[in-house]
Amino acid sequence: MLNANLKALEKDQLVHREEYPQTPPKVEYSLTERGKPLIQILDVMCDWGEEYQL
């Protein structure tokens, strides 16, 4: 499920996936310029969750 969500975010160009050819395999994800505005939205959602203890 996590993998499918990450692939969808990558397809929508919200995250960038970087693979490193090593053992064990390593993959890093980062927000793209298009995805960075989501930080503000997620921060507000986290604040709301903390306020209502969710």
C-alpha atoms as a PDB file:
ATOM      1  CA  MET A   1       0.000   0.000   0.000  1.00  0.00           C
ATOM      2  CA  LEU A   2       2.802   2.435   0.867  1.00  0.00           C
ATOM      3  CA  ASN A   3       4.546   1.544  -2.380  1.00  0.00           C
ATOM      4  CA  ALA A   4       1.384   2.219  -4.394  1.00  0.00           C
ATOM      5  CA  ASN A   5       0.898   5.591  -2.672  1.00  0.00           C
ATOM      6  CA  LEU A   6       4.500   6.608  -3.331  1.00  0.00           C
ATOM      7  CA  LYS A   7       4.182   5.605  -6.991  1.00  0.00           C
ATOM      8  CA  ALA A   8       1.018   7.711  -7.295  1.00  0.00           C
ATOM      9  CA  LEU A   9       2.765  10.718  -5.727  1.00  0.00           C
ATOM     10  CA  GLU A  10       5.689  10.218  -8.097  1.00  0.00           C
ATOM     11  CA  LYS A  11       3.325   9.947 -11.093  1.00  0.00           C
ATOM     12  CA  ASP A  12       1.673  13.218 -10.026  1.00  0.00           C
ATOM     13  CA  GLN A  13       5.159  14.778  -9.808  1.00  0.00           C
ATOM     14  CA  LEU A  14       4.786  15.562  -6.109  1.00  0.00           C
ATOM     15  CA  VAL A  15       7.767  13.453  -5.021  1.00  0.00           C
ATOM     16  CA  HIS A  16      11.057  12.490  -6.642  1.00  0.00           C
ATOM     17  CA  ARG A  17      12.414   8.953  -6.251  1.00  0.00           C
ATOM     18  CA  GLU A  18      16.182   8.457  -6.171  1.00  0.00           C
ATOM     19  CA  GLU A  19      17.565   4.904  -6.361  1.00  0.00           C
ATOM     20  CA  TYR A  20      21.084   4.045  -5.234  1.00  0.00           C
ATOM     21  CA  PRO A  21      22.690   0.911  -6.719  1.00  0.00           C
ATOM     22  CA  GLN A  22      24.076  -0.670  -3.583  1.00  0.00           C
ATOM     23  CA  THR A  23      23.552  -3.621  -1.290  1.00  0.00           C
ATOM     24  CA  PRO A  24      21.232  -3.471   0.505  1.00  0.00           C
ATOM     25  CA  PRO A  25      19.186  -1.422  -1.970  1.00  0.00           C
ATOM     26  CA  LYS A  26      18.575   2.185  -0.992  1.00  0.00           C
ATOM     27  CA  VAL A  27      15.806   4.510  -2.197  1.00  0.00           C
ATOM     28  CA  GLU A  28      15.183   8.089  -1.097  1.00  0.00           C
ATOM     29  CA  TYR A  29      12.136  10.241  -1.736  1.00  0.00           C
ATOM     30  CA  SER A  30      12.001  14.025  -1.697  1.00  0.00           C
ATOM     31  CA  LEU A  31       9.379  16.627  -2.477  1.00  0.00           C
ATOM     32  CA  THR A  32       9.511  18.235  -5.884  1.00  0.00           C
ATOM     33  CA  GLU A  33       8.953  21.957  -6.399  1.00  0.00           C
ATOM     34  CA  ARG A  34       5.359  21.072  -7.203  1.00  0.00           C
ATOM     35  CA  GLY A  35       5.037  19.104  -3.951  1.00  0.00           C
ATOM     36  CA  LYS A  36       6.683  21.628  -1.612  1.00  0.00           C
ATOM     37  CA  PRO A  37       3.528  23.784  -1.181  1.00  0.00           C
ATOM     38  CA  LEU A  38       1.917  20.727   0.433  1.00  0.00           C
ATOM     39  CA  ILE A  39       4.137  21.256   3.485  1.00  0.00           C
ATOM     40  CA  GLN A  40       1.930  24.142   4.652  1.00  0.00           C
ATOM     41  CA  ILE A  41      -1.227  22.074   4.213  1.00  0.00           C
ATOM     42  CA  LEU A  42       0.233  19.080   6.050  1.00  0.00           C
ATOM     43  CA  ASP A  43       1.461  21.312   8.892  1.00  0.00           C
ATOM     44  CA  VAL A  44      -2.073  22.662   9.384  1.00  0.00           C
ATOM     45  CA  MET A  45      -3.483  19.125   9.323  1.00  0.00           C
ATOM     46  CA  CYS A  46      -0.926  18.004  11.937  1.00  0.00           C
ATOM     47  CA  ASP A  47      -1.803  20.968  14.165  1.00  0.00           C
ATOM     48  CA  TRP A  48      -5.493  20.075  13.862  1.00  0.00           C
ATOM     49  CA  GLY A  49      -4.762  16.447  14.732  1.00  0.00           C
ATOM     50  CA  GLU A  50      -2.755  17.454  17.800  1.00  0.00           C
ATOM     51  CA  GLU A  51      -5.499  19.819  18.941  1.00  0.00           C
ATOM     52  CA  TYR A  52      -8.115  17.078  18.712  1.00  0.00           C
ATOM     53  CA  GLN A  53      -5.678  14.346  19.815  1.00  0.00           C
ATOM     54  CA  LEU A  54      -6.046  12.244  16.679  1.00  0.00           C
END
